[in-house]
Amino acid sequence: TDYGSSLTLSLPAALQPHQPFQIIVRYTTADGPAIWWLDPELTYGNAKPFVFTQGHSVCNRSFFPCFDTPAVKCTYSATVKAPAGIQVLMSATQSTYLEEEGVYQFYMEYPVPAYLVALVAGDLIHADIGPRSRVWAEPCLLPTAISKLSGMVERWLTAAESLYGPYIWGRYDIVFLPPSFPIVAMENPCLTFIISSILESDEFLIIDVIHEVAHSWFGNAVTNATWEEMWLSEGLATYAQRRITTETYGAAFTCLETAFRLDALHRQMKLLGEDNPVSKLQVKLEPGVNPSNLMNLFTYEKGYCFVYYLSQLCGDPRHFDSFLRAYIEKYKFTSVVAQDLLDSFLNFFPELKEQCVESKAGLEFERWLNATGPPLAEPDLSQGSSLTRPVEMLFKLWTTEPLDSVAAASSVDLTKWRTFQTVLFLDRLLDGSPLPH
């Protein structure tokens, strides 16, 4: 297929069950979808060439031979030789540099799926921003990155640990990549990749880094075993992200961010249609289809709504936090399917199992997973009304005929709005177009 071909090995007949053995594959790789080579002109500093990898979902098979499925996890080591002046980083727990030879050595001591093996090399320097975190960036970007994140990552990690247990990966470093990085951020363990342009917005930076922090538990420690259930990573990480932001920035901020994301979900629903199969949480992956094509807002936001619904069944989100801590402890460094999560949930809350909550009419777990269309239930966002009400008021003024431009212009002080308020307002204007004259 376009995404590689299988390498089939025949094992010796004398090999006994559970007998250890070693396979050595000697290979070279050229250009492939996982490896992005940039000329100096495509970097911020225009000084040195740059290379990075992006393995999600099934691109790393063009980087190295691997079991390219999230169901298989393993440790890895790597040796990388680079020219003088080029800094090499990988998503690994240990690294050394032999300066005389220009050789970097990396080792990831915990099992990870193939898509979380990542490499970046270029004109990168670093600064510590906390006791277990540093930022890496091109020299011209580093001061901005420091000013935006100094002390913040440790605050977010500490909040996450209070909710979901110890951070197991050792360091949490961040590397800022040039604008050609094809997504906003990637949760590579120990080394989050993030696009540098996000430094322009404090609020988007906060949300996206916290989302990648949440993946340290949901996605990296416990991984979806099949690409057909990516919501197990993204839905849970989005839920955890919002629990962390609630703890650190308050419920109103979290509700505002959730409101504009759910607006975007419904906008996508209108474009795709409510019967579109990609709106299912358990999506059917057809042969030859790149799993990344199944990544959409349903993976994140419909998945989040289902997880939020489960948390509400407990009556107190702190009880659900306790369940998620137990879930992480039980399944860390393994891959799971949805039934593992749901069985664990019902076993953790036997009173809910006795009430048969999984079969509640209209909200059946099976329907959550396999019905097309919008979420079966959405969160109560009333705690965000102090931030969303001004948006709704201004939107009403702008869309009421005849348009009173003076009243619309003077009703609120936009200079005091948060970025997410402005985004929510503009999105709703677009949804309501054409506007009155």
Protein backbone atom coordinates (compact mmCIF):
# COMPACT_ATOMS: atom_id res chain seq x y z
CA THR A 1 0.00 0.00 0.00
CA ASP A 2 1.00 3.66 0.10
CA TYR A 3 1.90 3.12 3.74
CA GLY A 4 4.52 0.40 3.31
CA SER A 5 4.66 -3.34 2.85
CA SER A 6 5.07 -6.14 5.34
CA LEU A 7 8.39 -7.79 6.15
CA THR A 8 7.68 -11.48 6.78
CA LEU A 9 10.23 -13.55 8.70
CA SER A 10 10.30 -17.33 9.01
CA LEU A 11 11.44 -18.52 12.42
CA PRO A 12 13.56 -21.65 12.91
CA ALA A 13 11.48 -24.75 13.55
CA ALA A 14 13.64 -25.58 16.57
CA LEU A 15 12.58 -22.39 18.37
CA GLN A 16 10.62 -23.25 21.50
CA PRO A 17 7.62 -21.29 22.86
CA HIS A 18 8.73 -18.33 25.03
CA GLN A 19 12.37 -18.92 24.05
CA PRO A 20 14.16 -15.56 23.64
CA PHE A 21 15.65 -14.84 20.23
CA GLN A 22 17.16 -11.90 18.37
CA ILE A 23 16.42 -10.60 14.88
CA ILE A 24 18.84 -8.20 13.17
CA VAL A 25 17.48 -6.21 10.21
CA ARG A 26 20.04 -4.20 8.26
CA TYR A 27 18.34 -1.47 6.29
CA THR A 28 18.66 2.01 4.85
CA THR A 29 15.85 4.52 4.52
CA ALA A 30 15.47 7.49 2.22
CA ASP A 31 12.76 10.13 2.06
CA GLY A 32 9.52 8.96 3.61
CA PRO A 33 6.36 10.41 5.16
CA ALA A 34 7.82 10.26 8.68
CA ILE A 35 10.97 12.30 7.98
CA TRP A 36 10.87 16.02 7.22
CA TRP A 37 14.10 17.61 5.94
CA LEU A 38 14.22 21.42 5.98
CA ASP A 39 16.72 23.73 4.30
CA PRO A 40 17.99 26.57 6.51
CA GLU A 41 15.65 28.99 4.74
CA LEU A 42 12.67 27.08 6.15
CA THR A 43 13.72 27.62 9.77
CA TYR A 44 13.25 30.73 11.88
CA GLY A 45 16.96 31.45 12.18
CA ASN A 46 17.84 30.68 8.53
CA ALA A 47 21.17 29.38 9.84
CA LYS A 48 21.30 25.58 9.71
CA PRO A 49 19.36 22.68 8.20
CA PHE A 50 16.69 21.03 10.31
CA VAL A 51 15.08 17.60 10.42
CA PHE A 52 12.22 16.19 12.46
CA THR A 53 10.07 13.07 12.39
CA GLN A 54 6.32 12.71 12.80
CA GLY A 55 5.29 9.09 13.31
CA HIS A 56 1.57 9.30 14.08
CA SER A 57 -0.30 7.33 12.96
CA VAL A 58 1.57 4.87 10.72
CA CYS A 59 4.44 6.93 9.28
CA ASN A 60 7.29 5.57 11.40
CA ARG A 61 7.40 2.42 9.26
CA SER A 62 9.22 4.67 6.76
CA PHE A 63 11.71 5.61 9.52
CA PHE A 64 12.61 2.14 10.84
CA PRO A 65 11.23 -1.43 10.60
CA CYS A 66 8.63 -1.86 13.31
CA PHE A 67 5.38 -3.42 14.43
CA ASP A 68 3.52 -0.28 13.40
CA THR A 69 0.44 -0.77 15.54
CA PRO A 70 -0.44 0.78 18.91
CA ALA A 71 -1.14 -2.73 20.21
CA VAL A 72 2.60 -3.48 20.35
CA LYS A 73 4.92 -1.63 22.74
CA CYS A 74 8.65 -1.97 23.29
CA THR A 75 11.70 -0.16 24.61
CA TYR A 76 14.21 1.20 22.11
CA SER A 77 17.75 2.50 21.76
CA ALA A 78 19.26 4.61 18.99
CA THR A 79 22.65 5.93 17.93
CA VAL A 80 22.64 9.14 15.86
CA LYS A 81 25.66 10.78 14.24
CA ALA A 82 25.32 14.47 13.40
CA PRO A 83 27.59 17.29 12.14
CA ALA A 84 29.15 19.65 14.67
CA GLY A 85 26.74 22.37 15.75
CA ILE A 86 23.62 20.25 15.20
CA GLN A 87 21.74 19.30 18.37
CA VAL A 88 19.93 15.95 18.25
CA LEU A 89 17.01 15.06 20.54
CA MET A 90 14.79 11.99 20.79
CA SER A 91 11.75 10.90 22.80
CA ALA A 92 13.89 8.92 25.22
CA THR A 93 14.45 8.75 28.97
CA GLN A 94 18.26 8.62 28.71
CA SER A 95 20.77 10.30 26.39
CA THR A 96 24.53 10.79 26.11
CA TYR A 97 26.74 12.70 23.68
CA LEU A 98 30.23 11.65 22.57
CA GLU A 99 31.56 14.99 21.36
CA GLU A 100 34.76 13.72 19.73
CA GLU A 101 32.75 11.33 17.56
CA GLY A 102 29.73 13.58 17.08
CA VAL A 103 27.53 10.70 18.23
CA TYR A 104 24.36 10.83 20.32
CA GLN A 105 23.05 7.74 22.09
CA PHE A 106 19.46 7.42 23.29
CA TYR A 107 17.53 4.86 25.30
CA MET A 108 13.82 4.68 26.12
CA GLU A 109 13.53 2.43 29.16
CA TYR A 110 9.73 2.14 29.11
CA PRO A 111 7.72 0.33 26.41
CA VAL A 112 6.09 2.66 23.89
CA PRO A 113 4.22 2.12 20.60
CA ALA A 114 6.18 2.78 17.41
CA TYR A 115 4.41 6.08 16.67
CA LEU A 116 5.91 7.66 19.81
CA VAL A 117 9.52 7.23 18.66
CA ALA A 118 10.56 10.72 17.55
CA LEU A 119 13.73 12.55 16.50
CA VAL A 120 14.57 16.20 15.89
CA ALA A 121 17.90 17.79 14.95
CA GLY A 122 18.90 21.34 14.16
CA ASP A 123 20.10 24.64 15.56
CA LEU A 124 18.55 24.11 18.99
CA ILE A 125 19.53 25.45 22.39
CA HIS A 126 17.79 24.96 25.72
CA ALA A 127 16.88 26.56 29.02
CA ASP A 128 15.54 24.97 32.18
CA ILE A 129 12.03 26.15 33.07
CA GLY A 130 11.43 23.89 36.06
CA PRO A 131 12.98 21.10 38.14
CA ARG A 132 12.19 18.45 35.50
CA SER A 133 11.46 20.52 32.39
CA ARG A 134 13.34 22.51 29.79
CA VAL A 135 12.46 24.15 26.51
CA TRP A 136 14.43 23.66 23.30
CA ALA A 137 14.17 26.15 20.46
CA GLU A 138 16.16 27.99 17.83
CA PRO A 139 18.20 30.78 19.47
CA CYS A 140 15.94 33.55 18.16
CA LEU A 141 12.86 31.89 19.72
CA LEU A 142 14.22 30.73 23.06
CA PRO A 143 13.67 33.98 25.05
CA THR A 144 9.98 34.02 24.06
CA ALA A 145 9.55 30.35 24.95
CA ILE A 146 11.15 30.93 28.36
CA SER A 147 8.98 33.95 29.11
CA LYS A 148 5.81 32.04 28.21
CA LEU A 149 6.53 28.78 30.03
CA SER A 150 8.94 29.38 32.90
CA GLY A 151 7.49 27.75 36.01
CA MET A 152 4.25 26.85 34.24
CA VAL A 153 4.98 23.27 33.17
CA GLU A 154 5.84 22.20 36.71
CA ARG A 155 2.56 23.73 37.89
CA TRP A 156 0.64 21.70 35.31
CA LEU A 157 2.55 18.49 36.02
CA THR A 158 1.92 18.86 39.75
CA ALA A 159 -1.80 19.40 39.15
CA ALA A 160 -1.93 16.35 36.87
CA GLU A 161 -0.11 14.20 39.44
CA SER A 162 -2.58 15.24 42.14
CA LEU A 163 -5.37 13.94 39.91
CA TYR A 164 -3.91 10.88 38.18
CA GLY A 165 -0.83 9.75 40.07
CA PRO A 166 2.93 10.07 39.53
CA TYR A 167 4.40 11.32 36.27
CA ILE A 168 6.31 8.22 35.17
CA TRP A 169 8.48 9.51 32.32
CA GLY A 170 11.13 11.40 34.31
CA ARG A 171 11.59 14.61 32.33
CA TYR A 172 8.97 16.66 30.50
CA ASP A 173 10.79 18.73 27.90
CA ILE A 174 9.34 20.74 25.02
CA VAL A 175 10.90 21.46 21.63
CA PHE A 176 9.51 24.22 19.41
CA LEU A 177 9.55 23.32 15.72
CA PRO A 178 9.42 25.46 12.55
CA PRO A 179 6.06 26.36 10.95
CA SER A 180 6.21 23.38 8.57
CA PHE A 181 5.49 21.01 11.47
CA PRO A 182 2.28 19.45 10.10
CA ILE A 183 0.21 19.52 13.30
CA VAL A 184 -0.03 21.77 16.36
CA ALA A 185 1.63 19.43 18.85
CA MET A 186 2.66 15.81 19.38
CA GLU A 187 2.84 14.07 22.74
CA ASN A 188 6.16 12.25 22.26
CA PRO A 189 7.12 10.96 25.73
CA CYS A 190 9.75 13.06 27.54
CA LEU A 191 9.85 15.49 24.59
CA THR A 192 6.67 17.20 23.39
CA PHE A 193 6.91 18.56 19.85
CA ILE A 194 4.99 21.81 19.33
CA ILE A 195 4.75 24.30 16.49
CA SER A 196 6.51 27.61 17.22
CA SER A 197 3.71 29.80 15.88
CA ILE A 198 1.59 28.89 18.92
CA LEU A 199 3.82 31.21 20.97
CA GLU A 200 1.69 34.04 19.54
CA SER A 201 -1.27 33.04 21.75
CA ASP A 202 -0.93 32.48 25.49
CA GLU A 203 -4.27 30.70 25.82
CA PHE A 204 -3.79 28.29 22.93
CA LEU A 205 -0.27 27.57 24.22
CA ILE A 206 -1.65 26.78 27.68
CA ILE A 207 -4.37 24.47 26.37
CA ASP A 208 -2.20 22.62 23.89
CA VAL A 209 0.70 22.01 26.26
CA ILE A 210 -1.66 20.86 29.02
CA HIS A 211 -3.32 18.52 26.52
CA GLU A 212 0.08 16.98 25.71
CA VAL A 213 0.85 16.75 29.44
CA ALA A 214 -2.40 14.81 29.87
CA HIS A 215 -1.26 12.37 27.18
CA SER A 216 1.57 11.33 29.50
CA TRP A 217 -1.11 9.33 31.31
CA PHE A 218 -3.74 8.82 28.61
CA GLY A 219 -2.23 7.72 25.31
CA ASN A 220 1.41 7.25 26.29
CA ALA A 221 1.17 5.22 29.51
CA VAL A 222 -2.12 3.55 28.52
CA THR A 223 -2.65 3.38 24.76
CA ASN A 224 -5.57 2.48 22.51
CA ALA A 225 -4.81 -0.98 21.11
CA THR A 226 -6.47 -0.23 17.77
CA TRP A 227 -6.64 2.87 15.59
CA GLU A 228 -10.41 2.34 15.47
CA GLU A 229 -10.64 3.54 19.09
CA MET A 230 -8.43 6.62 19.14
CA TRP A 231 -10.96 8.29 21.45
CA LEU A 232 -9.43 6.19 24.26
CA SER A 233 -6.38 8.40 23.91
CA GLU A 234 -7.80 11.73 22.73
CA GLY A 235 -11.14 11.70 24.58
CA LEU A 236 -9.54 10.78 27.90
CA ALA A 237 -6.66 13.24 27.37
CA THR A 238 -9.15 16.02 26.60
CA TYR A 239 -11.10 15.19 29.76
CA ALA A 240 -7.88 15.15 31.82
CA GLN A 241 -6.73 18.40 30.19
CA ARG A 242 -9.95 20.09 31.31
CA ARG A 243 -9.67 18.72 34.82
CA ILE A 244 -6.13 20.15 34.98
CA THR A 245 -7.22 23.56 33.64
CA THR A 246 -10.10 23.63 36.12
CA GLU A 247 -7.65 23.01 38.96
CA THR A 248 -5.19 25.65 37.75
CA TYR A 249 -7.33 28.30 36.01
CA GLY A 250 -10.86 27.74 37.28
CA ALA A 251 -14.08 26.27 35.92
CA ALA A 252 -15.10 29.39 33.95
CA PHE A 253 -11.98 29.26 31.76
CA THR A 254 -12.44 25.53 31.17
CA CYS A 255 -16.11 25.96 30.23
CA LEU A 256 -15.24 28.75 27.79
CA GLU A 257 -12.66 26.58 26.02
CA THR A 258 -15.09 23.65 25.97
CA ALA A 259 -17.87 25.83 24.54
CA PHE A 260 -15.94 26.91 21.46
CA ARG A 261 -14.63 23.37 20.88
CA LEU A 262 -18.16 21.93 21.03
CA ASP A 263 -19.33 24.67 18.67
CA ALA A 264 -16.64 23.47 16.26
CA LEU A 265 -17.85 19.87 16.69
CA HIS A 266 -21.39 20.82 15.70
CA ARG A 267 -20.06 22.84 12.78
CA GLN A 268 -18.21 19.77 11.54
CA MET A 269 -21.38 17.72 12.04
CA LYS A 270 -23.29 20.05 9.71
CA LEU A 271 -20.60 19.66 7.06
CA LEU A 272 -20.35 15.87 7.27
CA GLY A 273 -23.96 14.96 8.07
CA GLU A 274 -25.24 13.17 11.16
CA ASP A 275 -25.12 9.76 9.47
CA ASN A 276 -21.45 9.96 8.56
CA PRO A 277 -19.64 6.88 9.95
CA VAL A 278 -16.58 8.93 10.98
CA SER A 279 -18.74 10.43 13.74
CA LYS A 280 -18.70 7.09 15.58
CA LEU A 281 -16.32 6.59 18.48
CA GLN A 282 -15.61 3.07 17.21
CA VAL A 283 -14.80 3.77 13.58
CA LYS A 284 -14.30 1.00 11.05
CA LEU A 285 -10.80 1.19 9.57
CA GLU A 286 -10.88 -0.08 6.00
CA PRO A 287 -7.80 -1.84 4.55
CA GLY A 288 -5.31 0.55 2.97
CA VAL A 289 -6.71 3.63 4.72
CA ASN A 290 -4.32 5.80 6.72
CA PRO A 291 -5.62 5.82 10.32
CA SER A 292 -4.83 9.54 10.53
CA ASN A 293 -7.79 10.08 8.20
CA LEU A 294 -10.02 8.97 11.09
CA MET A 295 -8.73 11.71 13.39
CA ASN A 296 -11.36 14.42 13.73
CA LEU A 297 -13.23 16.46 16.32
CA PHE A 298 -15.41 13.47 17.18
CA THR A 299 -12.31 11.61 18.36
CA TYR A 300 -11.63 14.46 20.78
CA GLU A 301 -14.94 16.09 21.67
CA LYS A 302 -17.45 13.25 21.34
CA GLY A 303 -14.91 11.10 23.19
CA TYR A 304 -14.64 13.80 25.84
CA CYS A 305 -18.43 13.98 26.20
CA PHE A 306 -18.62 10.22 26.80
CA VAL A 307 -15.86 10.38 29.42
CA TYR A 308 -17.56 13.38 31.04
CA TYR A 309 -20.84 11.42 31.10
CA LEU A 310 -19.08 8.56 32.89
CA SER A 311 -17.70 11.03 35.44
CA GLN A 312 -21.19 12.39 36.08
CA LEU A 313 -22.52 8.91 36.79
CA CYS A 314 -20.14 8.88 39.79
CA GLY A 315 -21.74 12.01 41.24
CA ASP A 316 -18.40 13.65 42.05
CA PRO A 317 -15.53 14.17 39.58
CA ARG A 318 -13.06 13.41 42.37
CA HIS A 319 -14.45 9.87 42.58
CA PHE A 320 -13.88 9.54 38.85
CA ASP A 321 -10.32 10.86 39.31
CA SER A 322 -9.76 8.00 41.75
CA PHE A 323 -11.00 5.52 39.17
CA LEU A 324 -8.71 6.94 36.49
CA ARG A 325 -5.72 6.66 38.86
CA ALA A 326 -6.55 2.99 39.38
CA TYR A 327 -7.05 2.52 35.62
CA ILE A 328 -3.61 4.00 34.89
CA GLU A 329 -1.97 1.89 37.57
CA LYS A 330 -3.56 -1.29 36.23
CA TYR A 331 -2.88 -0.76 32.53
CA LYS A 332 0.24 1.45 32.34
CA PHE A 333 2.70 0.43 29.62
CA THR A 334 0.00 -1.67 27.93
CA SER A 335 -2.62 -1.12 25.23
CA VAL A 336 -6.35 -1.46 25.83
CA VAL A 337 -9.70 -1.57 24.07
CA ALA A 338 -12.86 0.28 25.09
CA GLN A 339 -14.25 -2.75 26.88
CA ASP A 340 -11.22 -2.76 29.22
CA LEU A 341 -12.01 0.81 30.26
CA LEU A 342 -15.74 0.22 30.67
CA ASP A 343 -15.36 -3.08 32.54
CA SER A 344 -12.86 -1.44 34.89
CA PHE A 345 -15.26 1.45 35.42
CA LEU A 346 -18.18 -0.81 36.36
CA ASN A 347 -16.00 -2.98 38.60
CA PHE A 348 -14.65 0.12 40.37
CA PHE A 349 -18.20 1.38 40.99
CA PRO A 350 -20.22 -1.80 41.78
CA GLU A 351 -23.25 0.28 42.77
CA LEU A 352 -23.39 1.66 39.22
CA LYS A 353 -23.04 -1.85 37.84
CA GLU A 354 -26.00 -2.93 39.97
CA GLN A 355 -28.01 -0.03 38.54
CA CYS A 356 -27.18 -1.25 35.00
CA VAL A 357 -26.05 2.24 33.97
CA GLU A 358 -24.46 0.74 30.86
CA SER A 359 -27.97 -0.01 29.57
CA LYS A 360 -29.75 3.23 30.50
CA ALA A 361 -32.29 3.95 27.76
CA GLY A 362 -30.94 6.39 25.19
CA LEU A 363 -27.52 6.52 26.86
CA GLU A 364 -26.36 2.93 26.45
CA PHE A 365 -22.59 2.52 26.40
CA GLU A 366 -22.91 0.59 23.15
CA ARG A 367 -24.84 3.47 21.59
CA TRP A 368 -22.20 5.96 22.73
CA LEU A 369 -19.59 3.89 20.93
CA ASN A 370 -21.37 2.93 17.73
CA ALA A 371 -24.08 5.50 16.98
CA THR A 372 -23.37 8.18 14.41
CA GLY A 373 -24.21 11.80 15.09
CA PRO A 374 -23.60 14.22 17.96
CA PRO A 375 -22.79 13.22 21.55
CA LEU A 376 -25.71 11.63 23.39
CA ALA A 377 -25.19 14.13 26.22
CA GLU A 378 -23.08 17.27 26.63
CA PRO A 379 -21.59 18.87 29.75
CA ASP A 380 -23.23 21.63 31.74
CA LEU A 381 -21.17 24.73 30.92
CA SER A 382 -23.09 27.18 33.10
CA GLN A 383 -20.00 27.78 35.26
CA GLY A 384 -18.53 29.60 32.29
CA SER A 385 -21.41 32.06 31.96
CA SER A 386 -19.34 35.00 33.23
CA LEU A 387 -17.18 34.59 30.11
CA THR A 388 -19.69 33.28 27.58
CA ARG A 389 -22.58 35.65 28.39
CA PRO A 390 -20.80 38.76 27.01
CA VAL A 391 -20.12 36.80 23.81
CA GLU A 392 -23.78 35.83 23.48
CA MET A 393 -24.89 39.40 24.17
CA LEU A 394 -22.61 40.89 21.53
CA PHE A 395 -23.56 38.20 19.02
CA LYS A 396 -27.24 39.02 19.54
CA LEU A 397 -26.58 42.72 18.94
CA TRP A 398 -24.65 42.01 15.75
CA THR A 399 -27.29 39.67 14.34
CA THR A 400 -30.45 41.63 15.20
CA GLU A 401 -32.05 43.56 12.35
CA PRO A 402 -31.74 46.43 11.89
CA LEU A 403 -28.13 46.45 13.08
CA ASP A 404 -27.49 49.12 15.72
CA SER A 405 -23.79 49.61 15.04
CA VAL A 406 -23.32 52.14 17.86
CA ALA A 407 -24.81 49.81 20.47
CA ALA A 408 -22.90 46.84 19.06
CA ALA A 409 -19.60 48.73 19.16
CA SER A 410 -20.03 50.15 22.67
CA SER A 411 -21.68 47.24 24.50
CA VAL A 412 -18.49 45.48 25.61
CA ASP A 413 -14.81 46.28 25.97
CA LEU A 414 -13.15 43.80 23.62
CA THR A 415 -9.69 44.75 24.87
CA LYS A 416 -10.49 42.89 28.10
CA TRP A 417 -11.71 39.73 26.38
CA ARG A 418 -9.83 36.46 26.49
CA THR A 419 -8.65 34.99 23.20
CA PHE A 420 -11.20 32.19 23.46
CA GLN A 421 -14.03 34.71 23.86
CA THR A 422 -12.99 36.39 20.62
CA VAL A 423 -12.72 33.04 18.84
CA LEU A 424 -16.14 31.94 20.11
CA PHE A 425 -17.71 35.23 18.99
CA LEU A 426 -16.15 35.11 15.50
CA ASP A 427 -17.13 31.46 15.05
CA ARG A 428 -20.73 32.23 15.94
CA LEU A 429 -20.76 35.18 13.55
CA LEU A 430 -19.60 32.86 10.78
CA ASP A 431 -22.29 30.35 11.72
CA GLY A 432 -24.90 33.12 11.59
CA SER A 433 -23.84 34.64 8.28
CA PRO A 434 -24.97 36.37 6.19
CA LEU A 435 -25.17 39.16 8.74
CA PRO A 436 -27.74 41.98 8.64
CA HIS A 437 -26.65 45.18 6.89
